[in-house]
Amino acid sequence: MKVRIYASQEDPALFVLIAEPKNPETLPSHVQSLLGPMVPFKRIELDTAQPRIGLDMAAAQKDLLSKDFHICRAKVLFERGHCETVA
């Protein structure tokens, strides 16, 4: 499944995945309000066999199939000799 990922400009840890060919204007108004202004982040092929840091693949796939979008919060913290994902 091809998806586009958009990042919130107001909250750098907040993202929405939207199933193609949908776009942010098709999101429900309450979701648009939560995210605020969005910028394109990445376009990916969502494959449950290929895990991604900061993304619950099963939840994303379920939401994308049922409502064409998935909201997630992911922040990767880097420190010397240490990497941590906060989801």
Protein backbone atom coordinates (compact mmCIF):
# COMPACT_ATOMS: atom_id res chain seq x y z
CA MET A 1 0.00 0.00 0.00
CA LYS A 2 1.44 3.37 -1.00
CA VAL A 3 1.11 6.14 1.57
CA ARG A 4 2.19 9.73 1.91
CA ILE A 5 3.41 10.96 5.25
CA TYR A 6 2.82 14.54 6.32
CA ALA A 7 4.40 16.27 9.33
CA SER A 8 2.66 18.82 11.50
CA GLN A 9 4.38 22.21 11.41
CA GLU A 10 3.10 22.95 14.90
CA ASP A 11 4.24 19.68 16.52
CA PRO A 12 7.39 18.18 14.97
CA ALA A 13 6.69 14.76 16.53
CA LEU A 14 3.17 14.46 15.05
CA PHE A 15 2.64 12.77 11.68
CA VAL A 16 -0.24 11.54 9.57
CA LEU A 17 -0.06 8.75 7.02
CA ILE A 18 -2.57 9.06 4.21
CA ALA A 19 -3.38 6.27 1.76
CA GLU A 20 -2.79 7.30 -1.84
CA PRO A 21 -4.38 8.88 -3.80
CA LYS A 22 -5.94 10.82 -0.89
CA ASN A 23 -4.48 14.14 0.26
CA PRO A 24 -4.65 16.21 3.48
CA GLU A 25 -7.75 18.08 2.31
CA THR A 26 -9.69 14.79 2.52
CA LEU A 27 -8.97 14.40 6.26
CA PRO A 28 -11.84 15.00 8.69
CA SER A 29 -11.87 18.55 10.05
CA HIS A 30 -11.04 17.44 13.62
CA VAL A 31 -7.89 15.70 12.32
CA GLN A 32 -6.88 18.78 10.32
CA SER A 33 -7.34 20.90 13.46
CA LEU A 34 -5.22 18.52 15.54
CA LEU A 35 -2.36 18.55 13.04
CA GLY A 36 -2.53 22.20 12.00
CA PRO A 37 -0.51 23.16 8.94
CA MET A 38 1.19 20.13 7.38
CA VAL A 39 4.19 19.66 5.15
CA PRO A 40 4.97 16.64 2.98
CA PHE A 41 7.51 14.43 4.73
CA LYS A 42 7.87 11.18 2.80
CA ARG A 43 6.19 8.79 0.37
CA ILE A 44 6.57 5.08 1.19
CA GLU A 45 5.31 1.63 0.37
CA LEU A 46 3.80 0.37 3.63
CA ASP A 47 4.94 -3.22 4.05
CA THR A 48 4.25 -5.02 7.34
CA ALA A 49 7.24 -7.28 6.64
CA GLN A 50 9.52 -4.22 6.75
CA PRO A 51 9.38 -2.63 10.23
CA ARG A 52 9.88 1.12 10.60
CA ILE A 53 11.22 2.98 13.60
CA GLY A 54 8.50 4.85 15.50
CA LEU A 55 5.58 3.28 13.62
CA ASP A 56 3.23 0.55 14.83
CA MET A 57 2.78 -1.19 11.47
CA ALA A 58 -0.27 -3.23 12.51
CA ALA A 59 -2.13 -0.17 13.83
CA ALA A 60 -1.15 1.91 10.80
CA GLN A 61 -2.37 -0.73 8.36
CA LYS A 62 -5.65 -1.19 10.26
CA ASP A 63 -6.35 2.57 10.31
CA LEU A 64 -5.37 3.04 6.67
CA LEU A 65 -7.68 0.25 5.55
CA SER A 66 -10.62 1.45 7.64
CA LYS A 67 -10.35 5.25 7.43
CA ASP A 68 -7.62 6.05 4.86
CA PHE A 69 -5.32 7.73 7.43
CA HIS A 70 -3.25 6.98 10.54
CA ILE A 71 -1.96 9.50 13.09
CA CYS A 72 1.23 8.77 14.96
CA ARG A 73 3.69 10.49 17.20
CA ALA A 74 7.35 9.66 16.78
CA LYS A 75 10.47 11.34 18.00
CA VAL A 76 13.96 9.96 17.69
CA LEU A 77 16.40 11.23 20.28
CA PHE A 78 20.11 11.01 19.53
CA GLU A 79 22.79 11.31 22.15
CA ARG A 80 26.39 10.28 22.01
CA GLY A 81 26.42 6.49 22.00
CA HIS A 82 22.65 6.23 22.49
CA CYS A 83 19.58 6.28 20.26
CA GLU A 84 16.04 6.16 21.62
CA THR A 85 12.68 6.16 19.88
CA VAL A 86 9.75 7.74 21.65
CA ALA A 87 6.46 6.70 20.07
